Amino acid sequence: MPKILWVILCGIVGSLLIAACSQVSFYLPWNDTVPVSGQTFAVLLIPALLGFQLGVLATILYAIEGACGLPFFATQKGGLGVLLGATGGYVVGFIFAAALVVGLIAHSFHRRGSI
């Protein structure tokens, strides 16, 4: 399989896994604006499994797919309005979190030498 197809496939599958985990969500009794969802777990897990480039690509694709209107964000929401609303900062922050988690893992392995 050509490398570009592998990159595209990993990016799409990673973004779909983030979208699937984001559908597991609930609201806390004292906060009905921002739901607690599984997307935070997935945004940290996918880059740890795929590495820096593919993990960040998957997270960016997730944000783009949701911004295009697909119901990929928590509580099956989607569209540009979600990114401009109360939870939009979280979605944009996920891209930076994906890069950060891979950097922290690489730094940890570099310091210890191995697992």
C-alpha atoms as a PDB file:
ATOM      1  CA  MET A   1       0.000   0.000   0.000  1.00  0.00           C
ATOM      2  CA  PRO A   2       1.445   3.412  -0.900  1.00  0.00           C
ATOM      3  CA  LYS A   3       2.421   5.571   2.045  1.00  0.00           C
ATOM      4  CA  ILE A   4      -0.015   8.378   1.188  1.00  0.00           C
ATOM      5  CA  LEU A   5      -2.942   5.941   1.314  1.00  0.00           C
ATOM      6  CA  TRP A   6      -1.735   4.682   4.692  1.00  0.00           C
ATOM      7  CA  VAL A   7      -1.550   8.245   6.037  1.00  0.00           C
ATOM      8  CA  ILE A   8      -5.038   9.064   4.767  1.00  0.00           C
ATOM      9  CA  LEU A   9      -6.472   5.812   6.121  1.00  0.00           C
ATOM     10  CA  CYS A  10      -4.917   6.291   9.572  1.00  0.00           C
ATOM     11  CA  GLY A  11      -6.108   9.894   9.705  1.00  0.00           C
ATOM     12  CA  ILE A  12      -9.672   9.007   8.789  1.00  0.00           C
ATOM     13  CA  VAL A  13      -9.888   5.992  11.100  1.00  0.00           C
ATOM     14  CA  GLY A  14      -8.384   8.026  13.955  1.00  0.00           C
ATOM     15  CA  SER A  15     -10.874  10.846  13.451  1.00  0.00           C
ATOM     16  CA  LEU A  16     -13.751   8.368  13.334  1.00  0.00           C
ATOM     17  CA  LEU A  17     -12.597   6.811  16.606  1.00  0.00           C
ATOM     18  CA  ILE A  18     -12.510  10.241  18.228  1.00  0.00           C
ATOM     19  CA  ALA A  19     -16.002  10.912  16.869  1.00  0.00           C
ATOM     20  CA  ALA A  20     -17.281   7.591  18.218  1.00  0.00           C
ATOM     21  CA  CYS A  21     -15.874   8.257  21.679  1.00  0.00           C
ATOM     22  CA  SER A  22     -17.346  11.761  21.710  1.00  0.00           C
ATOM     23  CA  GLN A  23     -20.838  10.274  21.511  1.00  0.00           C
ATOM     24  CA  VAL A  24     -20.409   8.842  25.016  1.00  0.00           C
ATOM     25  CA  SER A  25     -21.295  11.969  26.970  1.00  0.00           C
ATOM     26  CA  PHE A  26     -23.306  13.296  29.883  1.00  0.00           C
ATOM     27  CA  TYR A  27     -23.923  16.612  31.606  1.00  0.00           C
ATOM     28  CA  LEU A  28     -23.002  17.312  35.193  1.00  0.00           C
ATOM     29  CA  PRO A  29     -25.924  18.494  37.355  1.00  0.00           C
ATOM     30  CA  TRP A  30     -24.340  21.882  38.032  1.00  0.00           C
ATOM     31  CA  ASN A  31     -23.189  22.559  34.448  1.00  0.00           C
ATOM     32  CA  ASP A  32     -25.566  22.135  31.528  1.00  0.00           C
ATOM     33  CA  THR A  33     -23.404  23.986  28.987  1.00  0.00           C
ATOM     34  CA  VAL A  34     -20.358  21.764  28.451  1.00  0.00           C
ATOM     35  CA  PRO A  35     -20.823  17.965  28.495  1.00  0.00           C
ATOM     36  CA  VAL A  36     -18.317  15.480  29.864  1.00  0.00           C
ATOM     37  CA  SER A  37     -17.492  13.093  27.043  1.00  0.00           C
ATOM     38  CA  GLY A  38     -15.145  10.373  25.894  1.00  0.00           C
ATOM     39  CA  GLN A  39     -13.604  12.579  23.222  1.00  0.00           C
ATOM     40  CA  THR A  40     -10.964  13.845  25.662  1.00  0.00           C
ATOM     41  CA  PHE A  41      -9.835  10.269  26.249  1.00  0.00           C
ATOM     42  CA  ALA A  42      -9.755   9.568  22.508  1.00  0.00           C
ATOM     43  CA  VAL A  43      -7.919  12.791  21.675  1.00  0.00           C
ATOM     44  CA  LEU A  44      -5.126  11.735  24.024  1.00  0.00           C
ATOM     45  CA  LEU A  45      -5.160   8.047  23.057  1.00  0.00           C
ATOM     46  CA  ILE A  46      -5.154   8.312  19.243  1.00  0.00           C
ATOM     47  CA  PRO A  47      -1.954  10.412  18.985  1.00  0.00           C
ATOM     48  CA  ALA A  48      -0.266   8.171  21.541  1.00  0.00           C
ATOM     49  CA  LEU A  49      -1.028   5.188  19.304  1.00  0.00           C
ATOM     50  CA  LEU A  50      -0.441   6.784  15.892  1.00  0.00           C
ATOM     51  CA  GLY A  51       2.432   9.168  16.629  1.00  0.00           C
ATOM     52  CA  PHE A  52       2.808  12.891  16.114  1.00  0.00           C
ATOM     53  CA  GLN A  53       1.944  13.412  12.452  1.00  0.00           C
ATOM     54  CA  LEU A  54      -0.891  10.907  12.169  1.00  0.00           C
ATOM     55  CA  GLY A  55      -2.302  11.776  15.588  1.00  0.00           C
ATOM     56  CA  VAL A  56      -2.417  15.492  14.890  1.00  0.00           C
ATOM     57  CA  LEU A  57      -3.810  14.782  11.409  1.00  0.00           C
ATOM     58  CA  ALA A  58      -6.608  12.667  12.904  1.00  0.00           C
ATOM     59  CA  THR A  59      -7.456  15.405  15.392  1.00  0.00           C
ATOM     60  CA  ILE A  60      -7.487  18.108  12.708  1.00  0.00           C
ATOM     61  CA  LEU A  61      -9.693  15.917  10.501  1.00  0.00           C
ATOM     62  CA  TYR A  62     -12.061  15.412  13.441  1.00  0.00           C
ATOM     63  CA  ALA A  63     -12.386  19.187  13.871  1.00  0.00           C
ATOM     64  CA  ILE A  64     -12.887  19.737  10.123  1.00  0.00           C
ATOM     65  CA  GLU A  65     -15.469  16.956   9.829  1.00  0.00           C
ATOM     66  CA  GLY A  66     -17.422  18.366  12.739  1.00  0.00           C
ATOM     67  CA  ALA A  67     -17.160  21.926  11.393  1.00  0.00           C
ATOM     68  CA  CYS A  68     -18.575  20.734   8.074  1.00  0.00           C
ATOM     69  CA  GLY A  69     -21.766  19.721   9.848  1.00  0.00           C
ATOM     70  CA  LEU A  70     -21.255  16.042  10.570  1.00  0.00           C
ATOM     71  CA  PRO A  71     -22.626  15.150  14.039  1.00  0.00           C
ATOM     72  CA  PHE A  72     -19.178  14.245  15.374  1.00  0.00           C
ATOM     73  CA  PHE A  73     -18.963  16.489  18.423  1.00  0.00           C
ATOM     74  CA  ALA A  74     -20.343  15.566  21.842  1.00  0.00           C
ATOM     75  CA  THR A  75     -24.110  14.991  22.045  1.00  0.00           C
ATOM     76  CA  GLN A  76     -24.207  14.521  18.253  1.00  0.00           C
ATOM     77  CA  LYS A  77     -23.669  18.163  17.422  1.00  0.00           C
ATOM     78  CA  GLY A  78     -21.847  19.513  14.421  1.00  0.00           C
ATOM     79  CA  GLY A  79     -21.353  22.622  12.382  1.00  0.00           C
ATOM     80  CA  LEU A  80     -19.334  25.791  12.517  1.00  0.00           C
ATOM     81  CA  GLY A  81     -21.639  27.147  15.225  1.00  0.00           C
ATOM     82  CA  VAL A  82     -20.298  24.573  17.667  1.00  0.00           C
ATOM     83  CA  LEU A  83     -16.739  25.764  17.078  1.00  0.00           C
ATOM     84  CA  LEU A  84     -17.834  29.359  17.662  1.00  0.00           C
ATOM     85  CA  GLY A  85     -19.859  28.453  20.768  1.00  0.00           C
ATOM     86  CA  ALA A  86     -19.023  27.523  24.348  1.00  0.00           C
ATOM     87  CA  THR A  87     -17.284  24.247  23.452  1.00  0.00           C
ATOM     88  CA  GLY A  88     -15.333  25.487  20.429  1.00  0.00           C
ATOM     89  CA  GLY A  89     -12.215  26.214  22.430  1.00  0.00           C
ATOM     90  CA  TYR A  90     -12.069  22.618  23.559  1.00  0.00           C
ATOM     91  CA  VAL A  91     -12.117  21.312  19.999  1.00  0.00           C
ATOM     92  CA  VAL A  92      -9.363  23.685  18.902  1.00  0.00           C
ATOM     93  CA  GLY A  93      -7.397  22.875  22.058  1.00  0.00           C
ATOM     94  CA  PHE A  94      -7.590  19.174  21.229  1.00  0.00           C
ATOM     95  CA  ILE A  95      -5.232  19.750  18.301  1.00  0.00           C
ATOM     96  CA  PHE A  96      -2.613  21.233  20.609  1.00  0.00           C
ATOM     97  CA  ALA A  97      -3.241  18.525  23.216  1.00  0.00           C
ATOM     98  CA  ALA A  98      -2.594  15.847  20.587  1.00  0.00           C
ATOM     99  CA  ALA A  99       0.781  17.381  19.787  1.00  0.00           C
ATOM    100  CA  LEU A 100       1.594  17.829  23.472  1.00  0.00           C
ATOM    101  CA  VAL A 101       0.847  14.247  24.482  1.00  0.00           C
ATOM    102  CA  VAL A 102       3.109  12.837  21.779  1.00  0.00           C
ATOM    103  CA  GLY A 103       5.844  15.259  22.795  1.00  0.00           C
ATOM    104  CA  LEU A 104       5.547  14.216  26.437  1.00  0.00           C
ATOM    105  CA  ILE A 105       5.683  10.538  25.526  1.00  0.00           C
ATOM    106  CA  ALA A 106       8.769  11.084  23.363  1.00  0.00           C
ATOM    107  CA  HIS A 107      10.438  13.094  26.135  1.00  0.00           C
ATOM    108  CA  SER A 108       9.675  10.361  28.669  1.00  0.00           C
ATOM    109  CA  PHE A 109      11.155   7.645  26.457  1.00  0.00           C
ATOM    110  CA  HIS A 110      14.190   9.810  25.762  1.00  0.00           C
ATOM    111  CA  ARG A 111      14.860  10.302  29.470  1.00  0.00           C
ATOM    112  CA  ARG A 112      14.420   6.659  30.442  1.00  0.00           C
ATOM    113  CA  GLY A 113      15.859   5.128  27.308  1.00  0.00           C
ATOM    114  CA  SER A 114      13.072   2.557  26.925  1.00  0.00           C
ATOM    115  CA  ILE A 115       9.742   1.464  28.301  1.00  0.00           C
END
